[in-house]
Amino acid sequence: MWLSRLLVVLIVFALCSSAEAQQPKKVPRIGCLKLVSGLGALDLAFRERLREIGYIDGQNIVIEWRFANGKSERYPLLAADLVQIGVEAIVTNSGDDPILAAMKATKTIPIIFETKLTSLPVLRYSSGP
């Protein structure tokens, strides 16, 4: 649970840092890259935590899901699509391939991802190489 809370804090931070340049009526968008379709426990916890702090998907925030359908070679195209539609942050928990694809697709959009060092889950934040 602490992991999903930390993820939400990082997302809100990323949204707030880009909010200064936004129009008042613009609904923030988060891009999510995943290997397979469907939402897992971490995805559901992420959405629930956003809801708890007042962000409701489809109302005052939009989560743009992109699924590689088990084909990691699709990540560059999916990451480029998220950049093109103007997401404020890109989130992934699917390993190195989507992280690298997102980093190649943008140097300005924050990339938030989960990774593991040994057996400890860690969240890292990157806005480029």
N, C-alpha and C. Protein backbone atom coordinates (compact mmCIF):
# COMPACT_ATOMS: atom_id res chain seq x y z
N MET A 1 0.82 -1.20 0.00
CA MET A 1 0.00 0.00 0.00
C MET A 1 0.86 1.26 0.00
N TRP A 2 2.00 1.23 0.73
CA TRP A 2 2.86 2.41 0.76
C TRP A 2 3.42 2.70 -0.62
N LEU A 3 3.60 1.65 -1.40
CA LEU A 3 4.13 1.81 -2.73
C LEU A 3 3.16 2.59 -3.62
N SER A 4 1.87 2.26 -3.54
CA SER A 4 0.88 2.97 -4.35
C SER A 4 0.75 4.42 -3.89
N ARG A 5 0.88 4.65 -2.58
CA ARG A 5 0.81 6.03 -2.08
C ARG A 5 1.99 6.86 -2.56
N LEU A 6 3.17 6.28 -2.53
CA LEU A 6 4.34 6.98 -3.02
C LEU A 6 4.22 7.28 -4.51
N LEU A 7 3.70 6.32 -5.26
CA LEU A 7 3.48 6.53 -6.69
C LEU A 7 2.53 7.69 -6.93
N VAL A 8 1.45 7.76 -6.17
CA VAL A 8 0.47 8.84 -6.32
C VAL A 8 1.11 10.18 -5.96
N VAL A 9 1.90 10.22 -4.91
CA VAL A 9 2.57 11.47 -4.54
C VAL A 9 3.47 11.95 -5.67
N LEU A 10 4.21 11.03 -6.28
CA LEU A 10 5.08 11.41 -7.39
C LEU A 10 4.28 11.92 -8.58
N ILE A 11 3.15 11.28 -8.86
CA ILE A 11 2.28 11.73 -9.97
C ILE A 11 1.75 13.13 -9.69
N VAL A 12 1.23 13.34 -8.49
CA VAL A 12 0.68 14.65 -8.14
C VAL A 12 1.78 15.71 -8.22
N PHE A 13 2.97 15.38 -7.75
CA PHE A 13 4.10 16.31 -7.86
C PHE A 13 4.36 16.66 -9.32
N ALA A 14 4.39 15.66 -10.18
CA ALA A 14 4.63 15.89 -11.61
C ALA A 14 3.53 16.75 -12.21
N LEU A 15 2.28 16.50 -11.83
CA LEU A 15 1.17 17.29 -12.35
C LEU A 15 1.24 18.72 -11.86
N CYS A 16 1.57 18.90 -10.59
CA CYS A 16 1.65 20.25 -10.03
C CYS A 16 2.78 21.05 -10.67
N SER A 17 3.90 20.41 -10.94
CA SER A 17 5.02 21.13 -11.53
C SER A 17 4.72 21.57 -12.95
N SER A 18 3.86 20.84 -13.65
CA SER A 18 3.51 21.24 -15.01
C SER A 18 2.22 22.07 -15.05
N ALA A 19 1.52 22.18 -13.93
CA ALA A 19 0.24 22.87 -13.89
C ALA A 19 0.38 24.38 -14.09
N GLU A 20 1.54 24.93 -13.73
CA GLU A 20 1.72 26.37 -13.86
C GLU A 20 1.58 26.83 -15.30
N ALA A 21 1.95 26.02 -16.27
CA ALA A 21 1.90 26.40 -17.67
C ALA A 21 0.59 26.00 -18.33
N GLN A 22 -0.31 25.37 -17.58
CA GLN A 22 -1.54 24.87 -18.17
C GLN A 22 -2.64 25.92 -18.15
N GLN A 23 -3.60 25.74 -19.04
CA GLN A 23 -4.81 26.52 -19.04
C GLN A 23 -5.65 26.10 -17.83
N PRO A 24 -6.42 27.00 -17.21
CA PRO A 24 -7.20 26.63 -16.03
C PRO A 24 -8.19 25.49 -16.26
N LYS A 25 -8.74 25.35 -17.45
CA LYS A 25 -9.76 24.35 -17.73
C LYS A 25 -9.19 23.01 -18.20
N LYS A 26 -7.90 22.95 -18.43
CA LYS A 26 -7.29 21.73 -18.96
C LYS A 26 -7.29 20.62 -17.91
N VAL A 27 -7.76 19.45 -18.30
CA VAL A 27 -7.76 18.29 -17.41
C VAL A 27 -6.42 17.58 -17.57
N PRO A 28 -5.67 17.38 -16.47
CA PRO A 28 -4.38 16.71 -16.58
C PRO A 28 -4.52 15.27 -17.08
N ARG A 29 -3.51 14.82 -17.82
CA ARG A 29 -3.51 13.46 -18.36
C ARG A 29 -2.25 12.74 -17.91
N ILE A 30 -2.43 11.50 -17.48
CA ILE A 30 -1.33 10.63 -17.11
C ILE A 30 -1.31 9.50 -18.13
N GLY A 31 -0.16 9.20 -18.68
CA GLY A 31 -0.01 8.08 -19.59
C GLY A 31 0.53 6.87 -18.85
N CYS A 32 -0.06 5.71 -19.07
CA CYS A 32 0.38 4.47 -18.42
C CYS A 32 0.72 3.44 -19.48
N LEU A 33 1.96 2.96 -19.45
CA LEU A 33 2.43 1.92 -20.37
C LEU A 33 2.43 0.58 -19.66
N LYS A 34 1.80 -0.42 -20.27
CA LYS A 34 1.73 -1.76 -19.69
C LYS A 34 2.00 -2.81 -20.75
N LEU A 35 2.54 -3.93 -20.31
CA LEU A 35 2.84 -5.02 -21.24
C LEU A 35 1.58 -5.73 -21.71
N VAL A 36 0.68 -6.02 -20.79
CA VAL A 36 -0.55 -6.75 -21.13
C VAL A 36 -1.77 -5.91 -20.78
N SER A 37 -2.86 -6.17 -21.47
CA SER A 37 -4.09 -5.42 -21.21
C SER A 37 -4.71 -5.86 -19.89
N GLY A 38 -5.50 -4.99 -19.35
CA GLY A 38 -6.13 -5.26 -18.07
C GLY A 38 -5.40 -4.56 -16.95
N LEU A 39 -6.12 -4.32 -15.87
CA LEU A 39 -5.55 -3.59 -14.74
C LEU A 39 -5.24 -4.56 -13.61
N GLY A 40 -4.01 -4.49 -13.11
CA GLY A 40 -3.58 -5.33 -12.00
C GLY A 40 -3.84 -4.64 -10.67
N ALA A 41 -3.40 -5.29 -9.60
CA ALA A 41 -3.62 -4.78 -8.25
C ALA A 41 -2.98 -3.41 -8.05
N LEU A 42 -1.76 -3.21 -8.56
CA LEU A 42 -1.09 -1.91 -8.40
C LEU A 42 -1.82 -0.82 -9.17
N ASP A 43 -2.32 -1.15 -10.36
CA ASP A 43 -3.07 -0.18 -11.15
C ASP A 43 -4.35 0.24 -10.43
N LEU A 44 -5.05 -0.73 -9.87
CA LEU A 44 -6.28 -0.43 -9.15
C LEU A 44 -6.00 0.37 -7.89
N ALA A 45 -4.92 0.04 -7.18
CA ALA A 45 -4.55 0.80 -5.99
C ALA A 45 -4.17 2.23 -6.36
N PHE A 46 -3.49 2.40 -7.48
CA PHE A 46 -3.12 3.72 -7.98
C PHE A 46 -4.37 4.56 -8.25
N ARG A 47 -5.33 3.99 -8.97
CA ARG A 47 -6.57 4.71 -9.26
C ARG A 47 -7.35 5.03 -7.99
N GLU A 48 -7.39 4.09 -7.05
CA GLU A 48 -8.10 4.31 -5.80
C GLU A 48 -7.45 5.42 -4.98
N ARG A 49 -6.12 5.43 -4.93
CA ARG A 49 -5.43 6.48 -4.17
C ARG A 49 -5.64 7.84 -4.82
N LEU A 50 -5.62 7.90 -6.13
CA LEU A 50 -5.95 9.16 -6.81
C LEU A 50 -7.34 9.63 -6.42
N ARG A 51 -8.29 8.71 -6.40
CA ARG A 51 -9.67 9.03 -6.01
C ARG A 51 -9.72 9.56 -4.58
N GLU A 52 -8.95 8.94 -3.69
CA GLU A 52 -8.93 9.36 -2.27
C GLU A 52 -8.44 10.80 -2.10
N ILE A 53 -7.56 11.24 -2.97
CA ILE A 53 -7.06 12.61 -2.85
C ILE A 53 -7.76 13.58 -3.82
N GLY A 54 -8.86 13.12 -4.39
CA GLY A 54 -9.71 14.03 -5.16
C GLY A 54 -9.58 13.98 -6.67
N TYR A 55 -8.78 13.07 -7.20
CA TYR A 55 -8.63 12.94 -8.65
C TYR A 55 -9.44 11.74 -9.13
N ILE A 56 -10.46 12.01 -9.94
CA ILE A 56 -11.34 10.96 -10.43
C ILE A 56 -11.16 10.83 -11.94
N ASP A 57 -10.73 9.63 -12.36
CA ASP A 57 -10.47 9.37 -13.77
C ASP A 57 -11.71 9.66 -14.59
N GLY A 58 -11.53 10.49 -15.61
CA GLY A 58 -12.64 10.84 -16.49
C GLY A 58 -13.37 12.11 -16.07
N GLN A 59 -13.08 12.61 -14.87
CA GLN A 59 -13.71 13.84 -14.41
C GLN A 59 -12.71 14.99 -14.31
N ASN A 60 -11.74 14.85 -13.41
CA ASN A 60 -10.76 15.92 -13.26
C ASN A 60 -9.32 15.45 -13.52
N ILE A 61 -9.20 14.25 -14.03
CA ILE A 61 -7.93 13.69 -14.49
C ILE A 61 -8.25 12.60 -15.52
N VAL A 62 -7.35 12.40 -16.45
CA VAL A 62 -7.54 11.35 -17.45
C VAL A 62 -6.33 10.44 -17.41
N ILE A 63 -6.57 9.15 -17.31
CA ILE A 63 -5.49 8.17 -17.38
C ILE A 63 -5.55 7.53 -18.76
N GLU A 64 -4.48 7.73 -19.52
CA GLU A 64 -4.39 7.19 -20.88
C GLU A 64 -3.62 5.87 -20.81
N TRP A 65 -4.32 4.75 -20.90
CA TRP A 65 -3.69 3.43 -20.84
C TRP A 65 -3.22 3.03 -22.23
N ARG A 66 -2.01 2.50 -22.30
CA ARG A 66 -1.48 1.96 -23.55
C ARG A 66 -0.92 0.57 -23.23
N PHE A 67 -1.41 -0.43 -23.97
CA PHE A 67 -1.05 -1.82 -23.74
C PHE A 67 -0.26 -2.36 -24.92
N ALA A 68 0.86 -3.02 -24.63
CA ALA A 68 1.70 -3.59 -25.68
C ALA A 68 1.21 -4.97 -26.11
N ASN A 69 0.19 -5.48 -25.45
CA ASN A 69 -0.38 -6.80 -25.79
C ASN A 69 0.68 -7.89 -25.86
N GLY A 70 1.58 -7.87 -24.87
CA GLY A 70 2.61 -8.90 -24.78
C GLY A 70 3.77 -8.74 -25.74
N LYS A 71 3.81 -7.65 -26.51
CA LYS A 71 4.86 -7.43 -27.51
C LYS A 71 5.67 -6.19 -27.13
N SER A 72 6.80 -6.42 -26.48
CA SER A 72 7.60 -5.29 -25.98
C SER A 72 8.11 -4.38 -27.10
N GLU A 73 8.19 -4.90 -28.31
CA GLU A 73 8.64 -4.06 -29.42
C GLU A 73 7.64 -2.93 -29.74
N ARG A 74 6.44 -3.01 -29.18
CA ARG A 74 5.43 -1.96 -29.40
C ARG A 74 5.64 -0.74 -28.49
N TYR A 75 6.47 -0.88 -27.45
CA TYR A 75 6.64 0.22 -26.49
C TYR A 75 7.07 1.55 -27.12
N PRO A 76 8.03 1.58 -28.04
CA PRO A 76 8.41 2.88 -28.62
C PRO A 76 7.23 3.61 -29.28
N LEU A 77 6.42 2.89 -30.03
CA LEU A 77 5.26 3.49 -30.67
C LEU A 77 4.25 3.99 -29.63
N LEU A 78 4.01 3.18 -28.61
CA LEU A 78 3.05 3.56 -27.56
C LEU A 78 3.54 4.76 -26.77
N ALA A 79 4.83 4.78 -26.44
CA ALA A 79 5.40 5.91 -25.70
C ALA A 79 5.33 7.19 -26.55
N ALA A 80 5.65 7.07 -27.83
CA ALA A 80 5.57 8.23 -28.73
C ALA A 80 4.14 8.75 -28.81
N ASP A 81 3.16 7.85 -28.81
CA ASP A 81 1.76 8.25 -28.84
C ASP A 81 1.40 9.05 -27.59
N LEU A 82 1.85 8.60 -26.43
CA LEU A 82 1.57 9.32 -25.18
C LEU A 82 2.20 10.71 -25.20
N VAL A 83 3.40 10.81 -25.72
CA VAL A 83 4.06 12.11 -25.83
C VAL A 83 3.29 13.01 -26.78
N GLN A 84 2.85 12.46 -27.90
CA GLN A 84 2.14 13.24 -28.90
C GLN A 84 0.81 13.79 -28.37
N ILE A 85 0.11 13.02 -27.55
CA ILE A 85 -1.18 13.51 -27.03
C ILE A 85 -1.01 14.45 -25.85
N GLY A 86 0.22 14.61 -25.37
CA GLY A 86 0.50 15.63 -24.37
C GLY A 86 0.24 15.25 -22.93
N VAL A 87 0.59 14.03 -22.54
CA VAL A 87 0.43 13.65 -21.14
C VAL A 87 1.40 14.45 -20.28
N GLU A 88 1.03 14.64 -19.00
CA GLU A 88 1.88 15.38 -18.08
C GLU A 88 2.91 14.47 -17.39
N ALA A 89 2.67 13.17 -17.39
CA ALA A 89 3.60 12.20 -16.80
C ALA A 89 3.34 10.84 -17.45
N ILE A 90 4.38 10.01 -17.47
CA ILE A 90 4.25 8.64 -17.98
C ILE A 90 4.59 7.70 -16.83
N VAL A 91 3.72 6.73 -16.60
CA VAL A 91 3.88 5.77 -15.51
C VAL A 91 3.98 4.37 -16.11
N THR A 92 4.87 3.55 -15.56
CA THR A 92 4.94 2.16 -15.97
C THR A 92 5.44 1.30 -14.82
N ASN A 93 5.04 0.05 -14.84
CA ASN A 93 5.54 -0.92 -13.85
C ASN A 93 5.84 -2.24 -14.54
N SER A 94 6.25 -2.16 -15.80
CA SER A 94 6.40 -3.37 -16.61
C SER A 94 7.84 -3.72 -16.96
N GLY A 95 8.84 -3.16 -16.29
CA GLY A 95 10.22 -3.52 -16.60
C GLY A 95 10.98 -2.46 -17.37
N ASP A 96 12.16 -2.83 -17.84
CA ASP A 96 13.07 -1.89 -18.48
C ASP A 96 12.61 -1.39 -19.85
N ASP A 97 12.01 -2.25 -20.66
CA ASP A 97 11.66 -1.86 -22.03
C ASP A 97 10.76 -0.63 -22.11
N PRO A 98 9.66 -0.55 -21.35
CA PRO A 98 8.83 0.65 -21.45
C PRO A 98 9.51 1.89 -20.89
N ILE A 99 10.36 1.70 -19.87
CA ILE A 99 11.08 2.84 -19.29
C ILE A 99 12.02 3.43 -20.34
N LEU A 100 12.78 2.58 -20.99
CA LEU A 100 13.72 3.04 -22.02
C LEU A 100 12.98 3.65 -23.21
N ALA A 101 11.87 3.06 -23.59
CA ALA A 101 11.08 3.61 -24.71
C ALA A 101 10.57 5.01 -24.35
N ALA A 102 10.09 5.17 -23.14
CA ALA A 102 9.58 6.48 -22.70
C ALA A 102 10.72 7.50 -22.65
N MET A 103 11.88 7.08 -22.14
CA MET A 103 13.02 8.00 -22.06
C MET A 103 13.49 8.43 -23.45
N LYS A 104 13.37 7.55 -24.44
CA LYS A 104 13.75 7.92 -25.80
C LYS A 104 12.70 8.82 -26.44
N ALA A 105 11.45 8.67 -26.01
CA ALA A 105 10.35 9.44 -26.61
C ALA A 105 10.29 10.88 -26.10
N THR A 106 10.81 11.12 -24.89
CA THR A 106 10.71 12.46 -24.33
C THR A 106 11.90 12.79 -23.44
N LYS A 107 12.24 14.03 -23.43
CA LYS A 107 13.26 14.54 -22.50
C LYS A 107 12.64 15.49 -21.49
N THR A 108 11.34 15.77 -21.63
CA THR A 108 10.70 16.77 -20.77
C THR A 108 9.58 16.23 -19.89
N ILE A 109 8.94 15.16 -20.30
CA ILE A 109 7.82 14.61 -19.52
C ILE A 109 8.37 13.70 -18.43
N PRO A 110 7.95 13.89 -17.18
CA PRO A 110 8.42 13.00 -16.11
C PRO A 110 8.00 11.55 -16.36
N ILE A 111 8.92 10.63 -16.08
CA ILE A 111 8.66 9.20 -16.22
C ILE A 111 8.74 8.59 -14.83
N ILE A 112 7.69 7.97 -14.41
CA ILE A 112 7.61 7.40 -13.07
C ILE A 112 7.44 5.90 -13.21
N PHE A 113 8.30 5.16 -12.54
CA PHE A 113 8.25 3.72 -12.71
C PHE A 113 8.63 3.00 -11.44
N GLU A 114 8.17 1.77 -11.36
CA GLU A 114 8.51 0.90 -10.26
C GLU A 114 9.60 -0.04 -10.73
N THR A 115 10.54 -0.27 -9.87
CA THR A 115 11.58 -1.24 -10.16
C THR A 115 11.95 -1.93 -8.86
N LYS A 116 12.75 -2.96 -8.94
CA LYS A 116 13.15 -3.66 -7.72
C LYS A 116 14.66 -3.75 -7.66
N LEU A 117 15.18 -3.43 -6.50
CA LEU A 117 16.59 -3.64 -6.21
C LEU A 117 16.63 -4.79 -5.22
N THR A 118 17.22 -5.86 -5.59
CA THR A 118 17.16 -7.11 -4.83
C THR A 118 15.70 -7.43 -4.58
N SER A 119 15.29 -7.51 -3.33
CA SER A 119 13.88 -7.85 -3.06
C SER A 119 13.08 -6.65 -2.56
N LEU A 120 13.66 -5.45 -2.56
CA LEU A 120 12.97 -4.27 -2.04
C LEU A 120 12.34 -3.49 -3.17
N PRO A 121 11.02 -3.24 -3.14
CA PRO A 121 10.42 -2.42 -4.18
C PRO A 121 10.83 -0.96 -4.00
N VAL A 122 11.18 -0.31 -5.10
CA VAL A 122 11.64 1.07 -5.06
C VAL A 122 10.96 1.81 -6.19
N LEU A 123 10.58 3.05 -5.96
CA LEU A 123 10.06 3.90 -7.04
C LEU A 123 11.15 4.88 -7.44
N ARG A 124 11.32 5.06 -8.71
CA ARG A 124 12.30 6.01 -9.21
C ARG A 124 11.60 6.99 -10.12
N TYR A 125 12.15 8.18 -10.19
CA TYR A 125 11.61 9.24 -10.99
C TYR A 125 12.67 9.65 -11.98
N SER A 126 12.30 9.79 -13.23
CA SER A 126 13.27 10.22 -14.23
C SER A 126 12.60 11.17 -15.21
N SER A 127 13.31 12.22 -15.55
CA SER A 127 12.80 13.13 -16.59
C SER A 127 13.75 13.11 -17.78
N GLY A 128 14.47 12.03 -17.94
CA GLY A 128 15.37 11.89 -19.08
C GLY A 128 16.68 11.27 -18.66
N PRO A 129 17.54 10.96 -19.62
CA PRO A 129 18.81 10.31 -19.29
C PRO A 129 19.78 11.22 -18.55
